[in-house]
N, C-alpha and C. Protein backbone atom coordinates (compact mmCIF):
# COMPACT_ATOMS: atom_id res chain seq x y z
N MET A 1 116.17 102.79 130.74
CA MET A 1 115.61 103.51 130.23
C MET A 1 114.28 103.77 130.90
N ASP A 2 113.73 105.17 131.44
CA ASP A 2 112.68 105.75 131.04
C ASP A 2 111.61 105.43 130.39
N SER A 3 110.30 105.07 130.98
CA SER A 3 109.26 105.46 129.76
C SER A 3 108.79 106.53 129.28
N PRO A 4 108.19 106.38 127.97
CA PRO A 4 107.91 107.93 127.83
C PRO A 4 106.69 108.57 128.62
N ALA A 5 106.41 109.84 128.90
CA ALA A 5 105.66 110.26 129.85
C ALA A 5 104.01 109.77 129.04
N ARG A 6 103.26 109.16 129.79
CA ARG A 6 101.86 108.86 129.62
C ARG A 6 100.97 109.92 129.44
N ILE A 7 100.00 109.72 128.54
CA ILE A 7 99.18 111.22 128.25
C ILE A 7 97.63 110.40 129.26
N PRO A 8 97.44 111.25 130.08
CA PRO A 8 95.72 110.59 130.73
C PRO A 8 94.75 109.92 130.01
N GLY A 9 94.77 108.71 129.65
CA GLY A 9 93.26 108.40 128.87
C GLY A 9 94.18 107.63 127.33
N GLN A 10 94.79 108.05 127.52
CA GLN A 10 95.58 107.61 126.19
C GLN A 10 96.08 106.29 126.84
N PRO A 11 96.30 104.92 125.43
CA PRO A 11 96.83 103.74 126.35
C PRO A 11 98.47 103.68 126.06
N ALA A 12 98.93 102.66 127.41
CA ALA A 12 100.71 103.28 127.31
C ALA A 12 101.41 102.54 125.87
N LEU A 13 101.97 103.28 125.35
CA LEU A 13 102.62 102.67 124.19
C LEU A 13 103.68 101.56 123.66
N ASP A 14 104.19 101.28 125.61
CA ASP A 14 104.72 100.03 125.58
C ASP A 14 103.85 98.71 126.11
N GLN A 15 102.88 99.00 126.15
CA GLN A 15 102.03 97.44 126.72
C GLN A 15 101.56 97.30 125.69
N PRO A 16 101.44 95.59 125.82
CA PRO A 16 101.00 94.84 124.92
C PRO A 16 99.42 95.15 124.38
N LEU A 17 98.60 95.06 123.40
CA LEU A 17 96.63 94.98 123.23
C LEU A 17 96.42 94.23 124.47
N THR A 18 95.38 94.97 125.07
CA THR A 18 94.61 93.97 125.68
C THR A 18 93.81 92.72 124.73
N ASP A 19 92.97 92.04 125.90
CA ASP A 19 92.22 91.22 125.08
C ASP A 19 91.53 91.86 124.49
N SER A 20 90.27 93.04 125.05
CA SER A 20 89.24 93.57 124.26
C SER A 20 90.14 94.86 123.00
N GLU A 21 90.81 95.13 123.49
CA GLU A 21 91.75 96.19 122.46
C GLU A 21 92.32 95.60 121.29
N TYR A 22 92.61 94.29 121.14
CA TYR A 22 92.85 93.62 120.38
C TYR A 22 91.43 92.46 119.17
N ALA A 23 90.83 92.58 119.93
CA ALA A 23 89.47 92.42 119.49
C ALA A 23 88.39 93.09 118.46
N ARG A 24 88.25 94.88 119.50
CA ARG A 24 88.18 95.63 118.36
C ARG A 24 89.32 95.90 117.21
N LEU A 25 90.43 95.55 117.25
CA LEU A 25 91.27 95.80 115.70
C LEU A 25 90.97 95.21 115.11
N THR A 26 91.07 93.58 115.47
CA THR A 26 90.45 92.73 114.41
C THR A 26 88.66 92.71 113.87
N THR A 27 88.31 93.24 114.46
CA THR A 27 86.64 93.90 114.05
C THR A 27 87.22 94.49 113.12
N ILE A 28 87.77 95.55 113.48
CA ILE A 28 88.23 96.93 112.29
C ILE A 28 88.53 96.61 111.35
N LEU A 29 89.49 95.44 111.49
CA LEU A 29 90.09 95.01 110.19
C LEU A 29 89.65 94.17 109.09
N ASP A 30 88.69 93.53 109.86
CA ASP A 30 88.11 92.45 109.10
C ASP A 30 87.07 92.95 108.33
N HIS A 31 86.13 93.98 108.98
CA HIS A 31 85.12 94.91 108.20
C HIS A 31 85.34 95.90 107.11
N PHE A 32 86.74 95.95 107.34
CA PHE A 32 87.23 96.00 105.30
C PHE A 32 87.66 94.71 104.69
N ARG A 33 87.93 93.47 104.73
CA ARG A 33 88.66 93.19 104.46
C ARG A 33 88.20 92.49 103.42
N SER A 34 87.32 92.57 102.64
CA SER A 34 87.19 92.39 100.92
C SER A 34 87.39 93.94 99.92
N GLU A 35 88.09 94.92 101.39
CA GLU A 35 88.73 95.96 100.56
C GLU A 35 90.39 96.10 100.36
N ASP A 36 90.52 94.69 101.04
CA ASP A 36 92.57 94.49 100.03
C ASP A 36 93.06 95.58 102.14
N ALA A 37 92.42 95.53 102.44
CA ALA A 37 93.16 95.53 103.80
C ALA A 37 93.68 94.26 104.51
N MET A 38 94.32 94.76 105.20
CA MET A 38 95.64 93.76 106.24
C MET A 38 94.69 93.06 107.80
N ASN A 39 94.43 91.84 107.05
CA ASN A 39 94.19 91.05 109.03
C ASN A 39 95.45 91.63 109.72
N VAL A 40 94.74 91.20 111.28
CA VAL A 40 95.90 91.55 112.06
C VAL A 40 96.82 90.71 112.24
N GLU A 41 97.43 89.63 111.70
CA GLU A 41 98.62 88.81 111.58
C GLU A 41 99.15 89.89 110.54
N GLU A 42 98.23 90.29 108.99
CA GLU A 42 99.17 90.47 108.58
C GLU A 42 100.08 92.20 109.06
N MET A 43 98.88 93.15 109.63
CA MET A 43 99.78 94.52 110.05
C MET A 43 100.38 93.83 111.28
N ASP A 44 100.45 92.80 111.86
CA ASP A 44 101.43 92.72 113.15
C ASP A 44 103.16 92.27 112.21
N GLY A 45 102.96 91.13 110.99
CA GLY A 45 103.86 91.72 110.87
C GLY A 45 104.50 92.85 109.75
N PHE A 46 104.50 93.39 108.94
CA PHE A 46 104.06 94.55 108.60
C PHE A 46 104.94 95.41 109.67
N PHE A 47 104.17 95.31 110.70
CA PHE A 47 104.60 96.59 111.74
C PHE A 47 106.09 95.97 111.98
N ALA A 48 106.31 94.94 112.18
CA ALA A 48 107.78 94.20 112.66
C ALA A 48 108.52 94.22 111.52
N ALA A 49 108.47 94.78 110.34
CA ALA A 49 109.02 94.47 109.11
C ALA A 49 109.25 96.41 109.12
N LEU A 50 108.73 97.54 109.38
CA LEU A 50 107.94 99.01 109.38
C LEU A 50 109.65 98.77 110.43
N ILE A 51 109.59 98.43 111.80
CA ILE A 51 110.36 98.85 113.07
C ILE A 51 111.72 98.53 112.88
N CYS A 52 111.81 97.65 111.88
CA CYS A 52 113.29 96.84 112.29
C CYS A 52 114.29 97.60 110.41
N GLY A 53 113.19 98.18 109.85
CA GLY A 53 113.73 99.10 109.23
C GLY A 53 114.51 99.83 109.43
N PRO A 54 115.68 100.40 107.87
CA PRO A 54 116.80 101.93 108.21
C PRO A 54 115.92 102.57 108.52
N VAL A 55 114.77 102.67 107.66
CA VAL A 55 114.27 104.17 107.17
C VAL A 55 112.70 104.27 108.07
N THR A 56 112.71 105.54 108.97
CA THR A 56 111.32 105.64 109.04
C THR A 56 110.33 105.87 107.99
N VAL A 57 109.23 105.36 108.26
CA VAL A 57 108.13 105.29 107.19
C VAL A 57 107.46 106.51 107.91
N PRO A 58 107.06 106.98 107.67
CA PRO A 58 105.62 108.01 108.21
C PRO A 58 104.63 107.18 107.67
N PRO A 59 103.17 107.60 108.51
CA PRO A 59 102.13 107.00 108.39
C PRO A 59 101.18 107.40 107.27
N SER A 60 101.93 108.79 106.79
CA SER A 60 101.11 108.71 105.68
C SER A 60 101.55 107.93 104.44
N VAL A 61 102.33 106.83 104.86
CA VAL A 61 102.41 106.36 103.83
C VAL A 61 102.11 105.05 103.99
N TYR A 62 102.60 104.12 105.28
CA TYR A 62 102.23 103.04 105.44
C TYR A 62 100.11 102.89 106.00
N LEU A 63 100.47 103.55 106.19
CA LEU A 63 98.43 103.50 106.88
C LEU A 63 98.14 103.31 105.89
N LYS A 64 98.09 103.40 103.93
CA LYS A 64 98.03 103.15 103.05
C LYS A 64 97.55 101.81 102.65
N GLU A 65 98.62 101.05 103.12
CA GLU A 65 99.01 99.85 103.16
C GLU A 65 98.23 99.36 103.32
N ILE A 66 98.00 99.47 105.00
CA ILE A 66 96.94 98.37 105.74
C ILE A 66 95.86 98.92 105.73
N TRP A 67 95.58 99.47 105.01
CA TRP A 67 93.72 99.93 104.60
C TRP A 67 93.65 99.55 103.20
N GLY A 68 94.74 99.52 102.65
CA GLY A 68 94.69 98.87 101.59
C GLY A 68 94.35 99.80 100.06
N ARG A 69 94.00 100.97 100.77
CA ARG A 69 94.01 102.28 99.30
C ARG A 69 94.29 103.60 100.34
N ASN A 70 93.88 104.87 99.25
CA ASN A 70 94.87 105.67 99.47
C ASN A 70 94.56 106.84 100.86
N GLU A 71 93.24 106.44 101.87
CA GLU A 71 92.95 106.82 103.21
C GLU A 71 92.49 106.24 103.86
N ALA A 72 92.96 106.44 104.92
CA ALA A 72 92.01 105.37 106.06
C ALA A 72 90.37 105.28 106.46
N PRO A 73 89.04 104.43 106.26
CA PRO A 73 88.03 104.73 105.71
C PRO A 73 87.29 105.31 107.02
N LEU A 74 86.45 105.97 107.09
CA LEU A 74 85.95 106.63 108.09
C LEU A 74 85.32 105.80 109.04
N ILE A 75 85.93 105.51 109.85
CA ILE A 75 84.54 104.42 111.39
C ILE A 75 84.72 105.24 112.56
N SER A 76 84.04 104.04 113.40
CA SER A 76 83.86 104.55 114.62
C SER A 76 84.98 103.92 115.61
N LEU A 77 85.47 104.24 116.17
CA LEU A 77 86.43 103.50 117.52
C LEU A 77 86.21 103.57 118.55
N LEU A 78 84.89 103.45 118.80
CA LEU A 78 84.08 103.73 120.10
C LEU A 78 83.50 102.72 120.14
């Protein structure tokens, strides 16, 4: 199977997170932890369940679950 075309400047979607990316994700999720956001371990299991499920769930539904509220927080990812 061929890899999907890669957009310059965007991460490869078929590769695991680097240590730096994992640390950044953990920091972002930990910042919102008191607001019912998932931690990185919960999010890992959540995505595994979404991938294995018979129905494709749109981001407009699952992002609410990850952040623990109706919309994603405004954050700087840089």
